[in-house]
Amino acid sequence: MNNRLSIRRNARLLRLVVLCLSLLLVTSFRPDNGAEKSSVPGIRFVNNEAFGLGERLDYSIGYKFITAGTASFTVMPQAVIRNDKKCFDARFEARSLKSLDWLYRVHDQYRTVMDIDGVFPHEFEQHIREGGYRRDFTAKFDQVNNFAITSDKKHPIPPFCHDIVSAFYYVRTLDLKAKKKGDIIQLHNFFGDTTYSLGIKILGRQTVEVEAGKFRCVVIEPMVVEGGLFKSDGRILIWLSDDERKIPVKVSTKVVIGSIDAELTGYQGLRGALASKILDE
């Protein structure tokens, strides 16, 4: 029984790591963030060299040498239309291994429909299946009038507020090379019925090796706020590739007994080369 409870507890921690791949980058930046404003009121243009249609990132999630699950970020190959605008259809999925489903099954799915030009969301949906727990949530974003519309009401939001997946992609478009150790980026994100604030601290640069290879990375840390979306007992560290793609190479959630890690296992459909990857000599 103790082993079963321990696995269930670790499965919940596992989910925290998985969510950090998307949630850590929740944001609504001010105009000095490097994004260009469009001449059309309420609309912006973002220069995006980080990702494009057809990109897929795959991860393994585990504790020490034990793999407990997998996760993936996928931008579907075909654009979709929302509000007469071409959009990315981006998906995030996390699963426990089938061999562990009898102990504690995890199958979480997220989707954002995100403006290609402005990299902001038009629609968001979340489907959580964890053990006996289920949650379904949807939101539509009126980015001109600054409202998020859920099943029960309209909620005021900051300009170009993100959902928890579109934010992940938006941050990848920012110039992190200009950031120094100790810099903190202030972010905002809408989820449920609330806009959350979060700071992202630049810790420095490191080289890490995972199944997908060895990479030079920017290390960042979400500054967890008590009572907020990221409440956790341990630190969360993220290694982003130190190049134009800025893909998450590793995510680590520090816990009392060590850490639970998500590590990049493969990728395809990238917008360009990974200059941060160190090739074998």
Protein backbone atom coordinates (compact mmCIF):
# COMPACT_ATOMS: atom_id res chain seq x y z
CA MET A 1 0.00 0.00 0.00
CA ASN A 2 2.84 2.42 0.85
CA ASN A 3 4.42 1.78 -2.56
CA ARG A 4 1.13 2.45 -4.27
CA LEU A 5 0.65 5.74 -2.40
CA SER A 6 4.23 6.72 -3.21
CA ILE A 7 3.70 6.09 -6.93
CA ARG A 8 0.46 8.08 -6.87
CA ARG A 9 2.27 10.96 -5.16
CA ASN A 10 5.09 10.83 -7.68
CA ALA A 11 2.54 10.76 -10.52
CA ARG A 12 1.17 14.07 -9.27
CA LEU A 13 4.69 15.48 -9.11
CA LEU A 14 5.26 14.11 -12.61
CA ARG A 15 2.26 16.08 -13.79
CA LEU A 16 3.76 19.23 -12.29
CA VAL A 17 6.90 18.74 -14.36
CA VAL A 18 4.82 18.15 -17.47
CA LEU A 19 2.78 21.26 -16.88
CA CYS A 20 5.93 23.31 -16.35
CA LEU A 21 6.87 22.69 -19.97
CA SER A 22 3.94 24.91 -20.87
CA LEU A 23 2.89 26.79 -17.76
CA LEU A 24 6.25 28.25 -16.84
CA LEU A 25 6.11 30.54 -19.86
CA VAL A 26 2.75 32.23 -19.26
CA THR A 27 3.00 35.82 -20.37
CA SER A 28 1.55 39.11 -21.53
CA PHE A 29 4.49 41.42 -22.23
CA ARG A 30 4.47 45.18 -22.60
CA PRO A 31 5.38 46.83 -25.96
CA ASP A 32 9.11 46.99 -25.07
CA ASN A 33 9.37 43.21 -25.25
CA GLY A 34 10.66 43.25 -28.82
CA ALA A 35 7.28 42.50 -30.43
CA GLU A 36 6.15 45.00 -33.05
CA LYS A 37 2.73 46.60 -32.85
CA SER A 38 0.50 46.56 -35.90
CA SER A 39 -1.08 49.75 -37.22
CA VAL A 40 -4.44 48.04 -36.70
CA PRO A 41 -5.71 48.82 -33.16
CA GLY A 42 -5.73 45.81 -30.87
CA ILE A 43 -3.50 43.71 -33.13
CA ARG A 44 0.24 43.09 -32.96
CA PHE A 45 2.89 41.47 -35.12
CA VAL A 46 5.62 39.27 -33.62
CA ASN A 47 8.77 38.35 -35.47
CA ASN A 48 8.93 34.58 -35.09
CA GLU A 49 12.03 32.63 -36.04
CA ALA A 50 11.56 30.04 -33.29
CA PHE A 51 8.90 27.62 -34.58
CA GLY A 52 6.49 26.93 -37.41
CA LEU A 53 3.92 24.52 -38.82
CA GLY A 54 4.78 20.85 -38.34
CA GLU A 55 7.13 21.15 -35.38
CA ARG A 56 7.08 18.32 -32.80
CA LEU A 57 9.05 18.04 -29.53
CA ASP A 58 9.07 14.77 -27.54
CA TYR A 59 10.00 14.19 -23.89
CA SER A 60 10.44 11.41 -21.38
CA ILE A 61 9.46 12.06 -17.77
CA GLY A 62 10.89 10.19 -14.83
CA TYR A 63 12.56 9.99 -11.45
CA LYS A 64 16.26 9.11 -11.44
CA PHE A 65 16.53 6.11 -13.81
CA ILE A 66 12.80 5.29 -13.86
CA THR A 67 10.73 6.53 -16.81
CA ALA A 68 7.13 7.12 -15.75
CA GLY A 69 5.62 8.92 -18.74
CA THR A 70 6.00 10.86 -21.97
CA ALA A 71 4.96 14.28 -23.23
CA SER A 72 4.92 16.12 -26.54
CA PHE A 73 4.38 19.56 -28.03
CA THR A 74 3.04 19.51 -31.59
CA VAL A 75 2.21 22.29 -34.03
CA MET A 76 -0.11 20.70 -36.56
CA PRO A 77 1.11 20.80 -40.19
CA GLN A 78 -1.89 22.76 -41.46
CA ALA A 79 -2.99 26.23 -40.39
CA VAL A 80 -6.59 26.83 -39.27
CA ILE A 81 -8.70 29.97 -39.58
CA ARG A 82 -10.13 31.89 -36.62
CA ASN A 83 -11.58 35.41 -36.81
CA ASP A 84 -10.45 35.55 -40.45
CA LYS A 85 -6.82 35.04 -39.38
CA LYS A 86 -4.46 32.15 -40.09
CA CYS A 87 -3.60 30.32 -36.89
CA PHE A 88 -1.29 27.65 -35.52
CA ASP A 89 -3.10 24.63 -34.10
CA ALA A 90 -0.78 23.63 -31.24
CA ARG A 91 -1.24 20.61 -28.99
CA PHE A 92 0.35 19.48 -25.73
CA GLU A 93 -0.13 15.91 -24.49
CA ALA A 94 1.18 14.02 -21.45
CA ARG A 95 0.72 10.30 -20.78
CA SER A 96 1.81 7.84 -18.16
CA LEU A 97 3.40 4.66 -19.51
CA LYS A 98 0.83 1.97 -20.24
CA SER A 99 2.69 -0.36 -17.89
CA LEU A 100 1.90 2.06 -15.03
CA ASP A 101 -1.70 2.85 -15.93
CA TRP A 102 -3.03 0.25 -13.49
CA LEU A 103 -1.36 2.21 -10.69
CA TYR A 104 -2.20 5.76 -11.71
CA ARG A 105 -3.21 6.64 -15.26
CA VAL A 106 -2.39 10.09 -16.62
CA HIS A 107 -3.61 11.36 -19.99
CA ASP A 108 -3.70 15.16 -20.22
CA GLN A 109 -4.41 17.06 -23.43
CA TYR A 110 -4.19 20.77 -24.20
CA ARG A 111 -4.89 22.70 -27.37
CA THR A 112 -4.40 26.34 -28.34
CA VAL A 113 -5.45 28.01 -31.58
CA MET A 114 -2.88 30.77 -31.87
CA ASP A 115 -2.57 33.69 -34.28
CA ILE A 116 0.32 33.13 -36.69
CA ASP A 117 1.16 36.83 -37.07
CA GLY A 118 0.70 37.92 -33.47
CA VAL A 119 1.37 34.67 -31.56
CA PHE A 120 -1.60 35.19 -29.22
CA PRO A 121 -4.48 32.75 -28.58
CA HIS A 122 -7.97 32.79 -30.05
CA GLU A 123 -9.11 29.56 -28.36
CA PHE A 124 -7.89 27.22 -25.64
CA GLU A 125 -9.04 23.85 -24.32
CA GLN A 126 -7.83 21.50 -21.60
CA HIS A 127 -8.79 17.86 -20.95
CA ILE A 128 -7.35 16.29 -17.80
CA ARG A 129 -7.59 12.57 -17.02
CA GLU A 130 -5.62 11.55 -13.94
CA GLY A 131 -6.67 8.47 -12.02
CA GLY A 132 -10.33 9.10 -11.20
CA TYR A 133 -9.97 12.88 -11.63
CA ARG A 134 -11.41 14.58 -14.73
CA ARG A 135 -11.39 18.21 -15.79
CA ASP A 136 -12.50 19.89 -19.01
CA PHE A 137 -12.01 23.60 -19.59
CA THR A 138 -12.39 25.85 -22.64
CA ALA A 139 -11.88 29.57 -23.23
CA LYS A 140 -12.15 31.93 -26.17
CA PHE A 141 -10.11 35.12 -26.30
CA ASP A 142 -11.34 38.48 -27.56
CA GLN A 143 -7.94 40.10 -28.02
CA VAL A 144 -9.39 43.35 -29.39
CA ASN A 145 -11.68 44.08 -26.42
CA ASN A 146 -9.51 42.24 -23.85
CA PHE A 147 -11.89 39.54 -22.62
CA ALA A 148 -11.59 35.80 -22.07
CA ILE A 149 -14.92 34.03 -22.49
CA THR A 150 -15.48 30.81 -20.56
CA SER A 151 -18.62 28.69 -20.18
CA ASP A 152 -20.05 30.92 -17.46
CA LYS A 153 -18.91 34.51 -18.09
CA LYS A 154 -16.58 37.06 -19.64
CA HIS A 155 -13.39 37.86 -17.75
CA PRO A 156 -11.29 41.02 -18.28
CA ILE A 157 -7.70 40.25 -19.29
CA PRO A 158 -4.53 42.27 -20.06
CA PRO A 159 -3.71 43.04 -23.72
CA PHE A 160 -2.60 39.93 -25.62
CA CYS A 161 -3.01 37.71 -22.56
CA HIS A 162 -2.06 34.08 -23.12
CA ASP A 163 -3.29 30.65 -22.22
CA ILE A 164 -0.89 28.15 -20.70
CA VAL A 165 0.22 26.70 -24.04
CA SER A 166 0.31 29.73 -26.34
CA ALA A 167 2.52 31.41 -23.74
CA PHE A 168 5.10 28.66 -24.12
CA TYR A 169 5.37 29.36 -27.84
CA TYR A 170 5.33 33.15 -27.46
CA VAL A 171 8.28 33.24 -25.06
CA ARG A 172 10.30 31.29 -27.60
CA THR A 173 10.07 34.30 -29.95
CA LEU A 174 11.76 36.62 -27.43
CA ASP A 175 15.42 37.63 -27.47
CA LEU A 176 16.77 35.77 -24.45
CA LYS A 177 20.37 36.37 -25.54
CA ALA A 178 19.94 39.95 -24.35
CA LYS A 179 19.08 38.75 -20.84
CA LYS A 180 21.73 38.55 -18.12
CA LYS A 181 22.03 36.37 -15.02
CA GLY A 182 19.63 37.69 -12.38
CA ASP A 183 17.23 39.39 -14.82
CA ILE A 184 13.55 38.74 -14.07
CA ILE A 185 10.82 38.79 -16.72
CA GLN A 186 7.34 39.56 -15.39
CA LEU A 187 4.55 37.52 -16.99
CA HIS A 188 0.74 37.18 -16.95
CA ASN A 189 -1.60 34.34 -17.95
CA PHE A 190 -5.32 33.61 -17.87
CA PHE A 191 -6.56 30.26 -16.54
CA GLY A 192 -9.88 29.22 -14.98
CA ASP A 193 -11.31 32.60 -14.05
CA THR A 194 -8.15 34.44 -13.03
CA THR A 195 -5.17 36.23 -14.55
CA TYR A 196 -2.00 35.06 -12.81
CA SER A 197 1.32 36.85 -12.44
CA LEU A 198 4.66 35.08 -12.52
CA GLY A 199 8.29 36.09 -12.67
CA ILE A 200 10.85 34.17 -14.70
CA LYS A 201 14.42 34.54 -13.42
CA ILE A 202 17.47 34.08 -15.65
CA LEU A 203 19.94 31.86 -13.77
CA GLY A 204 22.69 31.72 -16.36
CA ARG A 205 23.92 29.32 -19.01
CA GLN A 206 24.90 25.65 -18.87
CA THR A 207 25.57 22.72 -21.17
CA VAL A 208 23.32 19.70 -20.61
CA GLU A 209 23.15 16.28 -22.24
CA VAL A 210 19.89 14.40 -22.81
CA GLU A 211 18.77 11.59 -25.11
CA ALA A 212 18.35 14.04 -28.00
CA GLY A 213 21.94 15.28 -27.67
CA LYS A 214 24.16 17.79 -25.91
CA PHE A 215 23.03 21.43 -25.89
CA ARG A 216 24.17 24.84 -24.75
CA CYS A 217 21.24 26.22 -22.75
CA VAL A 218 19.81 29.25 -20.99
CA VAL A 219 18.70 28.23 -17.48
CA ILE A 220 15.56 29.88 -16.12
CA GLU A 221 13.45 29.50 -12.98
CA PRO A 222 9.76 30.36 -12.52
CA MET A 223 9.42 32.30 -9.27
CA VAL A 224 6.61 30.32 -7.65
CA VAL A 225 4.02 32.43 -5.82
CA GLU A 226 2.19 31.02 -2.80
CA GLY A 227 -1.42 30.31 -3.68
CA GLY A 228 -0.82 30.75 -7.39
CA LEU A 229 -0.95 28.41 -10.32
CA PHE A 230 2.60 27.18 -9.69
CA LYS A 231 2.41 26.36 -5.99
CA SER A 232 5.04 23.72 -5.31
CA ASP A 233 7.26 22.53 -2.48
CA GLY A 234 10.39 22.62 -4.63
CA ARG A 235 12.20 24.69 -7.24
CA ILE A 236 11.45 24.36 -10.93
CA LEU A 237 14.40 24.76 -13.31
CA ILE A 238 14.22 24.87 -17.11
CA TRP A 239 17.00 24.58 -19.69
CA LEU A 240 16.12 26.26 -23.04
CA SER A 241 18.34 25.78 -26.08
CA ASP A 242 20.52 28.89 -26.38
CA ASP A 243 19.69 29.64 -30.01
CA GLU A 244 16.87 30.95 -32.21
CA ARG A 245 14.63 27.90 -31.52
CA LYS A 246 14.69 28.15 -27.68
CA ILE A 247 13.23 24.66 -27.24
CA PRO A 248 13.00 23.21 -23.71
CA VAL A 249 15.79 20.65 -23.45
CA LYS A 250 15.19 19.76 -19.81
CA VAL A 251 12.75 20.60 -17.00
CA SER A 252 13.53 19.64 -13.42
CA THR A 253 11.27 19.86 -10.38
CA LYS A 254 13.28 19.75 -7.17
CA VAL A 255 11.72 17.66 -4.40
CA VAL A 256 12.92 16.44 -1.02
CA ILE A 257 14.02 13.08 -2.39
CA GLY A 258 15.83 14.46 -5.44
CA SER A 259 14.20 15.68 -8.66
CA ILE A 260 11.66 14.64 -11.28
CA ASP A 261 12.87 15.47 -14.78
CA ALA A 262 11.45 15.88 -18.25
CA GLU A 263 14.12 15.50 -20.93
CA LEU A 264 14.05 16.00 -24.68
CA THR A 265 14.16 12.70 -26.56
CA GLY A 266 13.50 13.85 -30.12
CA TYR A 267 12.32 16.62 -32.42
CA GLN A 268 11.23 17.15 -35.99
CA GLY A 269 9.95 19.89 -38.27
CA LEU A 270 12.07 22.63 -36.70
CA ARG A 271 12.05 26.05 -38.31
CA GLY A 272 15.82 25.97 -38.64
CA ALA A 273 19.02 24.49 -37.30
CA LEU A 274 19.73 24.04 -33.58
CA ALA A 275 22.89 26.10 -33.31
CA SER A 276 23.13 25.26 -29.60
CA LYS A 277 23.55 21.54 -30.24
CA ILE A 278 27.09 20.31 -29.73
CA LEU A 279 28.02 17.74 -32.36
CA ASP A 280 30.32 14.84 -31.56
CA GLU A 281 33.88 15.51 -32.57
